[in-house]
PDB file of N, CA and C in Angstrom:
ATOM      1  N   MET A   1       9.364  -9.231  12.373  1.00  0.00           N
ATOM      2  CA  MET A   1       8.325 -10.524  12.243  1.00  0.00           C
ATOM      3  C   MET A   1       8.874 -11.370  10.874  1.00  0.00           C
ATOM      4  N   THR A   2       8.762 -12.659  11.335  1.00  0.00           N
ATOM      5  CA  THR A   2       9.270 -13.532  10.000  1.00  0.00           C
ATOM      6  C   THR A   2       7.595 -14.156   9.511  1.00  0.00           C
ATOM      7  N   VAL A   3       8.006 -14.554   8.287  1.00  0.00           N
ATOM      8  CA  VAL A   3       6.695 -15.178   7.442  1.00  0.00           C
ATOM      9  C   VAL A   3       6.329 -16.173   8.254  1.00  0.00           C
ATOM     10  N   SER A   4       6.851 -16.754   9.287  1.00  0.00           N
ATOM     11  CA  SER A   4       6.274 -17.953   9.897  1.00  0.00           C
ATOM     12  C   SER A   4       5.472 -17.568  11.295  1.00  0.00           C
ATOM     13  N   ALA A   5       5.883 -16.063  11.776  1.00  0.00           N
ATOM     14  CA  ALA A   5       5.370 -15.818  12.932  1.00  0.00           C
ATOM     15  C   ALA A   5       3.915 -15.706  12.476  1.00  0.00           C
ATOM     16  N   THR A   6       3.196 -15.422  14.089  1.00  0.00           N
ATOM     17  CA  THR A   6       1.759 -15.019  13.991  1.00  0.00           C
ATOM     18  C   THR A   6       1.324 -14.100  13.008  1.00  0.00           C
ATOM     19  N   LYS A   7       0.293 -14.179  12.078  1.00  0.00           N
ATOM     20  CA  LYS A   7      -0.044 -13.089  11.374  1.00  0.00           C
ATOM     21  C   LYS A   7      -0.900 -12.164  11.908  1.00  0.00           C
ATOM     22  N   PRO A   8      -1.312 -10.859  11.870  1.00  0.00           N
ATOM     23  CA  PRO A   8      -2.146  -9.856  12.396  1.00  0.00           C
ATOM     24  C   PRO A   8      -3.445 -10.280  11.632  1.00  0.00           C
ATOM     25  N   SER A   9      -4.646  -9.988  12.133  1.00  0.00           N
ATOM     26  CA  SER A   9      -5.965 -10.006  11.680  1.00  0.00           C
ATOM     27  C   SER A   9      -5.882  -8.930  10.398  1.00  0.00           C
ATOM     28  N   ALA A  10      -7.033  -8.911   9.734  1.00  0.00           N
ATOM     29  CA  ALA A  10      -7.296  -7.921   8.733  1.00  0.00           C
ATOM     30  C   ALA A  10      -7.621  -6.562   9.540  1.00  0.00           C
ATOM     31  N   ASP A  11      -8.016  -6.713  10.485  1.00  0.00           N
ATOM     32  CA  ASP A  11      -8.844  -5.238  11.122  1.00  0.00           C
ATOM     33  C   ASP A  11      -7.606  -4.628  11.698  1.00  0.00           C
ATOM     34  N   HIS A  12      -6.571  -5.502  12.447  1.00  0.00           N
ATOM     35  CA  HIS A  12      -5.404  -4.808  13.127  1.00  0.00           C
ATOM     36  C   HIS A  12      -4.570  -4.477  11.824  1.00  0.00           C
ATOM     37  N   LEU A  13      -4.530  -5.219  10.762  1.00  0.00           N
ATOM     38  CA  LEU A  13      -3.269  -4.359   9.830  1.00  0.00           C
ATOM     39  C   LEU A  13      -4.245  -3.341   8.978  1.00  0.00           C
ATOM     40  N   MET A  14      -5.494  -2.995   9.029  1.00  0.00           N
ATOM     41  CA  MET A  14      -6.017  -1.691   8.266  1.00  0.00           C
ATOM     42  C   MET A  14      -6.032  -0.690   9.296  1.00  0.00           C
ATOM     43  N   ASP A  15      -6.318  -0.968  10.641  1.00  0.00           N
ATOM     44  CA  ASP A  15      -6.208   0.015  11.717  1.00  0.00           C
ATOM     45  C   ASP A  15      -5.477   0.799  12.484  1.00  0.00           C
ATOM     46  N   THR A  16      -4.350  -0.003  12.540  1.00  0.00           N
ATOM     47  CA  THR A  16      -3.177   0.254  13.342  1.00  0.00           C
ATOM     48  C   THR A  16      -2.354   1.328  12.525  1.00  0.00           C
ATOM     49  N   PRO A  17      -1.993   2.465  12.910  1.00  0.00           N
ATOM     50  CA  PRO A  17      -1.414   3.406  12.519  1.00  0.00           C
ATOM     51  C   PRO A  17       0.006   2.526  11.732  1.00  0.00           C
ATOM     52  N   LEU A  18       0.087   3.050  10.449  1.00  0.00           N
ATOM     53  CA  LEU A  18       1.150   2.538   9.543  1.00  0.00           C
ATOM     54  C   LEU A  18       2.662   2.348  10.454  1.00  0.00           C
ATOM     55  N   PRO A  19       3.182   3.522  10.859  1.00  0.00           N
ATOM     56  CA  PRO A  19       4.578   3.395  11.729  1.00  0.00           C
ATOM     57  C   PRO A  19       4.446   2.333  12.631  1.00  0.00           C
ATOM     58  N   LEU A  20       3.500   2.333  13.338  1.00  0.00           N
ATOM     59  CA  LEU A  20       3.363   1.566  14.705  1.00  0.00           C
ATOM     60  C   LEU A  20       3.164   0.184  14.053  1.00  0.00           C
ATOM     61  N   LEU A  21       2.399  -0.268  12.968  1.00  0.00           N
ATOM     62  CA  LEU A  21       2.175  -1.793  12.342  1.00  0.00           C
ATOM     63  C   LEU A  21       3.711  -2.096  12.038  1.00  0.00           C
ATOM     64  N   ILE A  22       4.487  -1.449  11.273  1.00  0.00           N
ATOM     65  CA  ILE A  22       5.693  -1.777  10.642  1.00  0.00           C
ATOM     66  C   ILE A  22       6.455  -1.918  11.865  1.00  0.00           C
ATOM     67  N   ASN A  23       6.522  -1.307  12.866  1.00  0.00           N
ATOM     68  CA  ASN A  23       7.542  -1.559  14.042  1.00  0.00           C
ATOM     69  C   ASN A  23       6.960  -2.931  14.814  1.00  0.00           C
ATOM     70  N   GLU A  24       5.515  -2.937  15.049  1.00  0.00           N
ATOM     71  CA  GLU A  24       5.170  -4.300  15.777  1.00  0.00           C
ATOM     72  C   GLU A  24       5.453  -5.337  14.965  1.00  0.00           C
ATOM     73  N   LEU A  25       5.488  -5.422  13.620  1.00  0.00           N
ATOM     74  CA  LEU A  25       5.735  -6.519  12.819  1.00  0.00           C
ATOM     75  C   LEU A  25       7.182  -7.017  12.668  1.00  0.00           C
ATOM     76  N   GLY A  26       7.876  -5.909  12.806  1.00  0.00           N
ATOM     77  CA  GLY A  26       9.409  -5.766  12.845  1.00  0.00           C
ATOM     78  C   GLY A  26      10.123  -5.698  11.324  1.00  0.00           C
ATOM     79  N   VAL A  27       9.226  -5.130  10.226  1.00  0.00           N
ATOM     80  CA  VAL A  27       9.379  -5.091   9.095  1.00  0.00           C
ATOM     81  C   VAL A  27      10.475  -3.702   9.001  1.00  0.00           C
ATOM     82  N   THR A  28      11.435  -4.029   7.797  1.00  0.00           N
ATOM     83  CA  THR A  28      12.410  -2.989   7.466  1.00  0.00           C
ATOM     84  C   THR A  28      11.702  -2.345   6.431  1.00  0.00           C
ATOM     85  N   LEU A  29      11.316  -0.798   6.262  1.00  0.00           N
ATOM     86  CA  LEU A  29      11.124  -0.146   5.368  1.00  0.00           C
ATOM     87  C   LEU A  29      12.057   0.457   4.645  1.00  0.00           C
ATOM     88  N   THR A  30      12.007   0.701   3.427  1.00  0.00           N
ATOM     89  CA  THR A  30      13.244   0.952   2.544  1.00  0.00           C
ATOM     90  C   THR A  30      12.582   1.811   1.368  1.00  0.00           C
ATOM     91  N   ASP A  31      13.342   3.045   0.928  1.00  0.00           N
ATOM     92  CA  ASP A  31      12.781   3.831  -0.161  1.00  0.00           C
ATOM     93  C   ASP A  31      13.441   2.883  -1.542  1.00  0.00           C
ATOM     94  N   SER A  32      12.374   2.958  -2.513  1.00  0.00           N
ATOM     95  CA  SER A  32      12.826   2.307  -3.971  1.00  0.00           C
ATOM     96  C   SER A  32      13.078   3.378  -5.049  1.00  0.00           C
ATOM     97  N   PRO A  33      14.096   3.000  -5.575  1.00  0.00           N
ATOM     98  CA  PRO A  33      14.707   4.071  -6.581  1.00  0.00           C
ATOM     99  C   PRO A  33      13.837   4.017  -7.584  1.00  0.00           C
ATOM    100  N   ALA A  34      12.607   3.150  -7.744  1.00  0.00           N
ATOM    101  CA  ALA A  34      11.824   3.126  -9.180  1.00  0.00           C
ATOM    102  C   ALA A  34      11.102   4.077  -9.332  1.00  0.00           C
ATOM    103  N   ILE A  35      10.900   4.523 -10.448  1.00  0.00           N
ATOM    104  CA  ILE A  35      10.152   5.892 -10.861  1.00  0.00           C
ATOM    105  C   ILE A  35       9.069   5.450 -11.798  1.00  0.00           C
ATOM    106  N   ASP A  36       8.823   4.198 -12.102  1.00  0.00           N
ATOM    107  CA  ASP A  36       7.964   3.730 -12.968  1.00  0.00           C
ATOM    108  C   ASP A  36       6.427   3.865 -12.257  1.00  0.00           C
ATOM    109  N   ARG A  37       5.570   4.599 -12.571  1.00  0.00           N
ATOM    110  CA  ARG A  37       4.058   5.065 -11.942  1.00  0.00           C
ATOM    111  C   ARG A  37       3.291   3.787 -11.730  1.00  0.00           C
ATOM    112  N   SER A  38       3.792   2.549 -12.445  1.00  0.00           N
ATOM    113  CA  SER A  38       3.041   1.253 -12.152  1.00  0.00           C
ATOM    114  C   SER A  38       3.642   0.400 -11.058  1.00  0.00           C
ATOM    115  N   PHE A  39       4.551   0.851 -10.551  1.00  0.00           N
ATOM    116  CA  PHE A  39       5.360  -0.055  -9.377  1.00  0.00           C
ATOM    117  C   PHE A  39       4.845   0.696  -8.273  1.00  0.00           C
ATOM    118  N   PHE A  40       4.319  -0.150  -7.273  1.00  0.00           N
ATOM    119  CA  PHE A  40       3.838   0.576  -6.007  1.00  0.00           C
ATOM    120  C   PHE A  40       4.429  -0.149  -4.949  1.00  0.00           C
ATOM    121  N   GLY A  41       5.336  -0.771  -5.031  1.00  0.00           N
ATOM    122  CA  GLY A  41       6.082  -1.443  -3.815  1.00  0.00           C
ATOM    123  C   GLY A  41       6.587  -2.769  -3.946  1.00  0.00           C
ATOM    124  N   ALA A  42       7.124  -3.276  -3.087  1.00  0.00           N
ATOM    125  CA  ALA A  42       7.471  -4.845  -2.981  1.00  0.00           C
ATOM    126  C   ALA A  42       7.602  -5.200  -1.545  1.00  0.00           C
ATOM    127  N   VAL A  43       7.502  -6.410  -1.394  1.00  0.00           N
ATOM    128  CA  VAL A  43       7.993  -7.006   0.068  1.00  0.00           C
ATOM    129  C   VAL A  43       8.701  -8.235  -0.525  1.00  0.00           C
ATOM    130  N   ILE A  44      10.012  -8.313   0.051  1.00  0.00           N
ATOM    131  CA  ILE A  44      10.983  -9.070  -0.191  1.00  0.00           C
ATOM    132  C   ILE A  44      11.012  -9.943   1.248  1.00  0.00           C
ATOM    133  N   ILE A  45      11.082 -11.281   1.009  1.00  0.00           N
ATOM    134  CA  ILE A  45      11.344 -12.220   2.280  1.00  0.00           C
ATOM    135  C   ILE A  45      12.705 -12.656   2.312  1.00  0.00           C
ATOM    136  N   GLN A  46      13.447 -12.011   3.309  1.00  0.00           N
ATOM    137  CA  GLN A  46      14.757 -12.419   3.323  1.00  0.00           C
ATOM    138  C   GLN A  46      15.145 -13.884   3.584  1.00  0.00           C
ATOM    139  N   ARG A  47      15.886 -14.601   2.402  1.00  0.00           N
ATOM    140  CA  ARG A  47      15.962 -15.935   2.350  1.00  0.00           C
ATOM    141  C   ARG A  47      16.447 -16.702   3.551  1.00  0.00           C
ATOM    142  N   THR A  48      17.458 -16.333   4.419  1.00  0.00           N
ATOM    143  CA  THR A  48      17.953 -16.939   5.396  1.00  0.00           C
ATOM    144  C   THR A  48      17.350 -16.514   6.646  1.00  0.00           C
ATOM    145  N   THR A  49      16.521 -15.432   6.912  1.00  0.00           N
ATOM    146  CA  THR A  49      15.663 -15.207   8.323  1.00  0.00           C
ATOM    147  C   THR A  49      14.482 -15.365   8.160  1.00  0.00           C
ATOM    148  N   GLY A  50      13.964 -15.130   7.067  1.00  0.00           N
ATOM    149  CA  GLY A  50      12.368 -15.134   7.091  1.00  0.00           C
ATOM    150  C   GLY A  50      11.707 -13.720   7.274  1.00  0.00           C
ATOM    151  N   GLU A  51      12.919 -12.863   7.293  1.00  0.00           N
ATOM    152  CA  GLU A  51      12.358 -11.284   7.988  1.00  0.00           C
ATOM    153  C   GLU A  51      11.921 -10.753   6.700  1.00  0.00           C
ATOM    154  N   LEU A  52      10.968  -9.578   6.798  1.00  0.00           N
ATOM    155  CA  LEU A  52      10.267  -9.170   5.762  1.00  0.00           C
ATOM    156  C   LEU A  52      10.874  -7.814   5.642  1.00  0.00           C
ATOM    157  N   ARG A  53      11.110  -7.506   4.390  1.00  0.00           N
ATOM    158  CA  ARG A  53      11.643  -5.930   4.028  1.00  0.00           C
ATOM    159  C   ARG A  53      10.686  -5.325   3.065  1.00  0.00           C
ATOM    160  N   LEU A  54      10.135  -4.198   3.029  1.00  0.00           N
ATOM    161  CA  LEU A  54       9.057  -3.683   2.415  1.00  0.00           C
ATOM    162  C   LEU A  54       9.706  -2.342   1.864  1.00  0.00           C
ATOM    163  N   THR A  55       9.921  -2.264   0.447  1.00  0.00           N
ATOM    164  CA  THR A  55      10.388  -1.145  -0.371  1.00  0.00           C
ATOM    165  C   THR A  55       9.351  -0.259  -1.139  1.00  0.00           C
ATOM    166  N   MET A  56       9.297   1.016  -0.909  1.00  0.00           N
ATOM    167  CA  MET A  56       8.223   1.667  -1.460  1.00  0.00           C
ATOM    168  C   MET A  56       8.801   2.857  -2.310  1.00  0.00           C
ATOM    169  N   PRO A  57       8.171   3.166  -3.299  1.00  0.00           N
ATOM    170  CA  PRO A  57       8.696   4.218  -4.230  1.00  0.00           C
ATOM    171  C   PRO A  57       8.531   5.547  -3.256  1.00  0.00           C
ATOM    172  N   THR A  58       9.162   6.650  -3.510  1.00  0.00           N
ATOM    173  CA  THR A  58       9.102   7.860  -2.883  1.00  0.00           C
ATOM    174  C   THR A  58       8.440   8.867  -3.748  1.00  0.00           C
ATOM    175  N   GLY A  59       8.069   9.890  -3.373  1.00  0.00           N
ATOM    176  CA  GLY A  59       7.116  10.654  -4.084  1.00  0.00           C
ATOM    177  C   GLY A  59       5.522  10.648  -4.303  1.00  0.00           C
ATOM    178  N   ARG A  60       5.210   9.372  -3.641  1.00  0.00           N
ATOM    179  CA  ARG A  60       3.741   9.005  -3.664  1.00  0.00           C
ATOM    180  C   ARG A  60       2.827   9.914  -2.611  1.00  0.00           C
ATOM    181  N   SER A  61       1.479  10.305  -2.692  1.00  0.00           N
ATOM    182  CA  SER A  61       0.967  10.705  -1.717  1.00  0.00           C
ATOM    183  C   SER A  61       0.824   9.563  -0.677  1.00  0.00           C
ATOM    184  N   GLU A  62       0.592  10.443   0.586  1.00  0.00           N
ATOM    185  CA  GLU A  62       0.403   9.623   1.941  1.00  0.00           C
ATOM    186  C   GLU A  62      -0.675   8.499   1.667  1.00  0.00           C
ATOM    187  N   LEU A  63      -1.661   8.727   0.983  1.00  0.00           N
ATOM    188  CA  LEU A  63      -2.720   7.515   0.747  1.00  0.00           C
ATOM    189  C   LEU A  63      -2.317   6.582   0.174  1.00  0.00           C
ATOM    190  N   GLU A  64      -1.333   6.777  -1.121  1.00  0.00           N
ATOM    191  CA  GLU A  64      -1.165   5.591  -2.032  1.00  0.00           C
ATOM    192  C   GLU A  64      -0.130   4.841  -1.279  1.00  0.00           C
ATOM    193  N   HIS A  65       1.084   5.552  -0.369  1.00  0.00           N
ATOM    194  CA  HIS A  65       1.861   5.045   0.364  1.00  0.00           C
ATOM    195  C   HIS A  65       1.351   3.929   1.431  1.00  0.00           C
ATOM    196  N   ASP A  66       0.333   4.387   1.804  1.00  0.00           N
ATOM    197  CA  ASP A  66      -0.208   3.740   3.252  1.00  0.00           C
ATOM    198  C   ASP A  66      -1.179   2.653   2.578  1.00  0.00           C
ATOM    199  N   THR A  67      -1.850   2.837   1.503  1.00  0.00           N
ATOM    200  CA  THR A  67      -2.717   1.769   0.861  1.00  0.00           C
ATOM    201  C   THR A  67      -1.866   0.793   0.258  1.00  0.00           C
ATOM    202  N   GLY A  68      -0.891   1.041  -0.362  1.00  0.00           N
ATOM    203  CA  GLY A  68       0.063   0.139  -0.917  1.00  0.00           C
ATOM    204  C   GLY A  68       0.846  -0.694   0.168  1.00  0.00           C
ATOM    205  N   ALA A  69       1.610  -0.067   1.260  1.00  0.00           N
ATOM    206  CA  ALA A  69       1.967  -0.739   2.023  1.00  0.00           C
ATOM    207  C   ALA A  69       1.168  -1.828   2.628  1.00  0.00           C
ATOM    208  N   ARG A  70      -0.203  -1.476   3.239  1.00  0.00           N
ATOM    209  CA  ARG A  70      -0.974  -2.291   3.915  1.00  0.00           C
ATOM    210  C   ARG A  70      -1.189  -3.639   3.031  1.00  0.00           C
ATOM    211  N   TYR A  71      -1.543  -3.284   1.683  1.00  0.00           N
ATOM    212  CA  TYR A  71      -1.938  -4.384   0.961  1.00  0.00           C
ATOM    213  C   TYR A  71      -0.741  -5.536   0.564  1.00  0.00           C
ATOM    214  N   LEU A  72       0.459  -4.852   0.421  1.00  0.00           N
ATOM    215  CA  LEU A  72       1.657  -5.696   0.271  1.00  0.00           C
ATOM    216  C   LEU A  72       1.887  -6.509   1.470  1.00  0.00           C
ATOM    217  N   LEU A  73       1.575  -6.126   2.660  1.00  0.00           N
ATOM    218  CA  LEU A  73       2.119  -6.583   3.821  1.00  0.00           C
ATOM    219  C   LEU A  73       1.137  -7.824   4.039  1.00  0.00           C
ATOM    220  N   ALA A  74      -0.116  -7.575   3.674  1.00  0.00           N
ATOM    221  CA  ALA A  74      -1.272  -8.506   3.691  1.00  0.00           C
ATOM    222  C   ALA A  74      -0.964  -9.667   2.816  1.00  0.00           C
ATOM    223  N   GLU A  75      -0.592  -9.274   1.628  1.00  0.00           N
ATOM    224  CA  GLU A  75      -0.189 -10.488   0.757  1.00  0.00           C
ATOM    225  C   GLU A  75       1.085 -11.118   1.233  1.00  0.00           C
ATOM    226  N   ALA A  76       2.103 -10.514   1.517  1.00  0.00           N
ATOM    227  CA  ALA A  76       3.084 -11.177   2.248  1.00  0.00           C
ATOM    228  C   ALA A  76       2.767 -12.232   3.318  1.00  0.00           C
ATOM    229  N   LEU A  77       1.848 -11.927   4.192  1.00  0.00           N
ATOM    230  CA  LEU A  77       1.681 -12.606   5.505  1.00  0.00           C
ATOM    231  C   LEU A  77       0.531 -13.464   5.311  1.00  0.00           C
ATOM    232  N   GLY A  78      -0.088 -13.315   4.033  1.00  0.00           N
ATOM    233  CA  GLY A  78      -1.279 -14.232   3.849  1.00  0.00           C
ATOM    234  C   GLY A  78      -2.490 -14.093   4.690  1.00  0.00           C
ATOM    235  N   VAL A  79      -2.775 -12.515   4.814  1.00  0.00           N
ATOM    236  CA  VAL A  79      -3.862 -11.979   5.643  1.00  0.00           C
ATOM    237  C   VAL A  79      -5.071 -11.847   4.560  1.00  0.00           C
ATOM    238  N   PRO A  80      -6.181 -12.594   4.617  1.00  0.00           N
ATOM    239  CA  PRO A  80      -7.049 -12.230   3.774  1.00  0.00           C
ATOM    240  C   PRO A  80      -7.884 -10.907   3.355  1.00  0.00           C
ATOM    241  N   MET A  81      -7.567 -10.139   2.126  1.00  0.00           N
ATOM    242  CA  MET A  81      -8.130  -9.092   1.956  1.00  0.00           C
ATOM    243  C   MET A  81      -8.605  -9.130   0.289  1.00  0.00           C
ATOM    244  N   PRO A  82      -9.447  -8.083   0.228  1.00  0.00           N
ATOM    245  CA  PRO A  82     -10.148  -8.113  -1.152  1.00  0.00           C
ATOM    246  C   PRO A  82      -8.776  -7.477  -1.922  1.00  0.00           C
ATOM    247  N   GLY A  83      -9.038  -7.729  -3.209  1.00  0.00           N
ATOM    248  CA  GLY A  83      -8.018  -7.382  -4.263  1.00  0.00           C
ATOM    249  C   GLY A  83      -8.125  -5.902  -4.449  1.00  0.00           C
ATOM    250  N   MET A  84      -6.969  -5.509  -4.884  1.00  0.00           N
ATOM    251  CA  MET A  84      -6.834  -4.036  -5.459  1.00  0.00           C
ATOM    252  C   MET A  84      -7.681  -3.994  -6.810  1.00  0.00           C
ATOM    253  N   PRO A  85      -8.170  -2.691  -6.943  1.00  0.00           N
ATOM    254  CA  PRO A  85      -8.943  -2.301  -7.927  1.00  0.00           C
ATOM    255  C   PRO A  85      -8.077  -2.189  -9.172  1.00  0.00           C
ATOM    256  N   ALA A  86      -8.558  -2.414 -10.300  1.00  0.00           N
ATOM    257  CA  ALA A  86      -7.679  -2.255 -11.763  1.00  0.00           C
ATOM    258  C   ALA A  86      -7.337  -0.598 -11.546  1.00  0.00           C
ATOM    259  N   PRO A  87      -6.218  -0.162 -12.032  1.00  0.00           N
ATOM    260  CA  PRO A  87      -5.389  -1.197 -12.575  1.00  0.00           C
ATOM    261  C   PRO A  87      -4.192  -1.573 -11.933  1.00  0.00           C
ATOM    262  N   PHE A  88      -4.143  -1.894 -10.658  1.00  0.00           N
ATOM    263  CA  PHE A  88      -3.166  -2.435  -9.941  1.00  0.00           C
ATOM    264  C   PHE A  88      -2.958  -3.750 -10.140  1.00  0.00           C
ATOM    265  N   VAL A  89      -1.873  -4.450 -10.027  1.00  0.00           N
ATOM    266  CA  VAL A  89      -1.743  -5.720 -10.361  1.00  0.00           C
ATOM    267  C   VAL A  89      -0.603  -6.035  -9.289  1.00  0.00           C
ATOM    268  N   THR A  90      -0.852  -7.339  -8.659  1.00  0.00           N
ATOM    269  CA  THR A  90       0.393  -7.869  -7.950  1.00  0.00           C
ATOM    270  C   THR A  90       1.045  -9.060  -8.525  1.00  0.00           C
ATOM    271  N   THR A  91       2.237  -9.009  -8.530  1.00  0.00           N
ATOM    272  CA  THR A  91       3.116 -10.446  -9.400  1.00  0.00           C
ATOM    273  C   THR A  91       3.634 -10.910  -8.114  1.00  0.00           C
ATOM    274  N   ARG A  92       3.610 -12.413  -7.925  1.00  0.00           N
ATOM    275  CA  ARG A  92       4.300 -13.168  -6.897  1.00  0.00           C
ATOM    276  C   ARG A  92       5.483 -13.957  -7.690  1.00  0.00           C
ATOM    277  N   ILE A  93       6.839 -13.526  -7.353  1.00  0.00           N
ATOM    278  CA  ILE A  93       7.809 -13.990  -8.069  1.00  0.00           C
ATOM    279  C   ILE A  93       8.558 -15.035  -7.020  1.00  0.00           C
ATOM    280  N   PRO A  94       8.505 -16.258  -6.757  1.00  0.00           N
ATOM    281  CA  PRO A  94       9.186 -17.038  -5.965  1.00  0.00           C
ATOM    282  C   PRO A  94      10.619 -17.588  -6.787  1.00  0.00           C
ATOM    283  N   THR A  95      11.461 -17.081  -5.478  1.00  0.00           N
ATOM    284  CA  THR A  95      12.871 -17.499  -5.910  1.00  0.00           C
ATOM    285  C   THR A  95      13.461 -18.511  -4.888  1.00  0.00           C
ATOM    286  N   LYS A  96      13.330 -20.005  -5.274  1.00  0.00           N
ATOM    287  CA  LYS A  96      13.886 -20.830  -4.727  1.00  0.00           C
ATOM    288  C   LYS A  96      12.975 -21.274  -3.693  1.00  0.00           C
ATOM    289  N   GLN A  97      11.583 -20.506  -3.765  1.00  0.00           N
ATOM    290  CA  GLN A  97      10.764 -20.787  -2.771  1.00  0.00           C
ATOM    291  C   GLN A  97      11.091 -20.082  -1.590  1.00  0.00           C
ATOM    292  N   THR A  98      11.859 -19.258  -1.343  1.00  0.00           N
ATOM    293  CA  THR A  98      12.241 -18.475  -0.265  1.00  0.00           C
ATOM    294  C   THR A  98      12.137 -16.967  -0.136  1.00  0.00           C
ATOM    295  N   GLU A  99      11.938 -16.427  -1.590  1.00  0.00           N
ATOM    296  CA  GLU A  99      11.596 -14.987  -1.705  1.00  0.00           C
ATOM    297  C   GLU A  99      10.662 -14.771  -2.516  1.00  0.00           C
ATOM    298  N   VAL A 100       9.842 -13.628  -1.982  1.00  0.00           N
ATOM    299  CA  VAL A 100       8.687 -13.424  -2.748  1.00  0.00           C
ATOM    300  C   VAL A 100       8.636 -11.754  -2.928  1.00  0.00           C
ATOM    301  N   THR A 101       8.549 -11.305  -4.232  1.00  0.00           N
ATOM    302  CA  THR A 101       8.330 -10.002  -4.557  1.00  0.00           C
ATOM    303  C   THR A 101       7.029  -9.460  -5.169  1.00  0.00           C
ATOM    304  N   LEU A 102       6.254  -8.590  -4.646  1.00  0.00           N
ATOM    305  CA  LEU A 102       5.022  -8.258  -4.913  1.00  0.00           C
ATOM    306  C   LEU A 102       5.110  -6.981  -5.576  1.00  0.00           C
TER     307      LEU A 102
END
């Protein structure tokens, strides 16, 4: 899925099994080598194609992985969701307005 494609509803984003959701959206999922416990993942919008790459740290619980992935996808796709509780913080870093990392 590209960021310009139709975005899923919040219900669909939260209720669809994560592997199916990632497949439906055409998101590339990669493992992150980051070991910092405060890093819960990133979504990168490919500059030339608009495709999404979700990178997640390894070694996290299934709940952490699932929750982080869904939240990051919602942020990248502009799906309205409640914010994550403290201590989670997301940062949006635009690079030439074509790449966003959360």
